[in-house]
């Protein structure tokens, strides 16, 4: 029973810490573009590399 005196405040503190981290992530727009990274892997960057070669030389 005395273990609960330690575990309950620790659990509440960790839950509050997780909530603060989540609210910070929302405030700093970490979840702004969820599809951007997922679709970026599908496109080939060779066209951009070829364009840069033509501009350089």
C-alpha atoms as a PDB file:
ATOM      1  CA  UNK A   1       0.000   0.000   0.000  1.00  0.00           C
ATOM      2  CA  UNK A   2       2.841   2.389   0.715  1.00  0.00           C
ATOM      3  CA  UNK A   3       4.124   1.822  -2.822  1.00  0.00           C
ATOM      4  CA  UNK A   4       1.038   3.587  -4.146  1.00  0.00           C
ATOM      5  CA  UNK A   5       2.082   6.719  -2.295  1.00  0.00           C
ATOM      6  CA  UNK A   6       5.076   6.888  -4.624  1.00  0.00           C
ATOM      7  CA  UNK A   7       3.592   5.479  -7.812  1.00  0.00           C
ATOM      8  CA  UNK A   8       0.499   7.673  -8.063  1.00  0.00           C
ATOM      9  CA  UNK A   9       2.370  11.016  -7.956  1.00  0.00           C
ATOM     10  CA  UNK A  10       4.981   9.661 -10.375  1.00  0.00           C
ATOM     11  CA  UNK A  11       2.241   8.553 -12.787  1.00  0.00           C
ATOM     12  CA  UNK A  12       0.496  11.924 -12.531  1.00  0.00           C
ATOM     13  CA  UNK A  13       3.775  13.755 -13.126  1.00  0.00           C
ATOM     14  CA  UNK A  14       4.594  11.652 -16.208  1.00  0.00           C
ATOM     15  CA  UNK A  15       1.083  12.164 -17.577  1.00  0.00           C
ATOM     16  CA  UNK A  16       1.354  15.914 -17.074  1.00  0.00           C
ATOM     17  CA  UNK A  17       4.802  15.905 -18.689  1.00  0.00           C
ATOM     18  CA  UNK A  18       3.399  14.064 -21.722  1.00  0.00           C
ATOM     19  CA  UNK A  19       0.518  16.538 -21.978  1.00  0.00           C
ATOM     20  CA  UNK A  20       2.913  19.496 -21.825  1.00  0.00           C
ATOM     21  CA  UNK A  21       5.102  17.931 -24.545  1.00  0.00           C
ATOM     22  CA  UNK A  22       2.043  17.354 -26.739  1.00  0.00           C
ATOM     23  CA  UNK A  23       0.789  20.913 -26.295  1.00  0.00           C
ATOM     24  CA  UNK A  24       4.278  22.248 -27.072  1.00  0.00           C
ATOM     25  CA  UNK A  25       4.338  20.178 -30.281  1.00  0.00           C
ATOM     26  CA  UNK A  26       0.978  21.589 -31.331  1.00  0.00           C
ATOM     27  CA  UNK A  27       2.031  25.153 -30.508  1.00  0.00           C
ATOM     28  CA  UNK A  28       5.234  24.897 -32.581  1.00  0.00           C
ATOM     29  CA  UNK A  29       3.366  23.443 -35.608  1.00  0.00           C
ATOM     30  CA  UNK A  30       5.015  20.016 -35.468  1.00  0.00           C
ATOM     31  CA  UNK A  31       1.834  18.461 -36.906  1.00  0.00           C
ATOM     32  CA  UNK A  32       1.294  21.056 -39.646  1.00  0.00           C
ATOM     33  CA  UNK A  33       2.187  18.951 -42.718  1.00  0.00           C
ATOM     34  CA  UNK A  34       1.544  15.269 -42.054  1.00  0.00           C
ATOM     35  CA  UNK A  35       1.326  14.258 -45.721  1.00  0.00           C
ATOM     36  CA  UNK A  36       4.390  16.148 -46.912  1.00  0.00           C
ATOM     37  CA  UNK A  37       7.018  13.731 -45.619  1.00  0.00           C
ATOM     38  CA  UNK A  38       4.952  10.735 -46.677  1.00  0.00           C
ATOM     39  CA  UNK A  39       4.591  11.933 -50.261  1.00  0.00           C
ATOM     40  CA  UNK A  40       8.132  13.303 -50.564  1.00  0.00           C
ATOM     41  CA  UNK A  41       9.528   9.774 -50.651  1.00  0.00           C
ATOM     42  CA  UNK A  42       7.415   8.958 -53.710  1.00  0.00           C
ATOM     43  CA  UNK A  43       8.874  11.668 -55.929  1.00  0.00           C
ATOM     44  CA  UNK A  44      12.233  11.350 -57.643  1.00  0.00           C
ATOM     45  CA  UNK A  45      14.703  14.173 -57.144  1.00  0.00           C
ATOM     46  CA  UNK A  46      16.664  13.396 -60.339  1.00  0.00           C
ATOM     47  CA  UNK A  47      14.758  16.101 -62.231  1.00  0.00           C
ATOM     48  CA  UNK A  48      15.995  18.686 -59.744  1.00  0.00           C
ATOM     49  CA  UNK A  49      19.571  17.401 -60.025  1.00  0.00           C
ATOM     50  CA  UNK A  50      19.467  17.578 -63.843  1.00  0.00           C
ATOM     51  CA  UNK A  51      18.121  21.126 -63.670  1.00  0.00           C
ATOM     52  CA  UNK A  52      20.968  22.155 -61.341  1.00  0.00           C
ATOM     53  CA  UNK A  53      23.567  20.658 -63.704  1.00  0.00           C
ATOM     54  CA  UNK A  54      22.160  22.676 -66.632  1.00  0.00           C
ATOM     55  CA  UNK A  55      22.222  25.865 -64.560  1.00  0.00           C
ATOM     56  CA  UNK A  56      25.845  25.302 -63.456  1.00  0.00           C
ATOM     57  CA  UNK A  57      27.395  24.585 -66.800  1.00  0.00           C
END
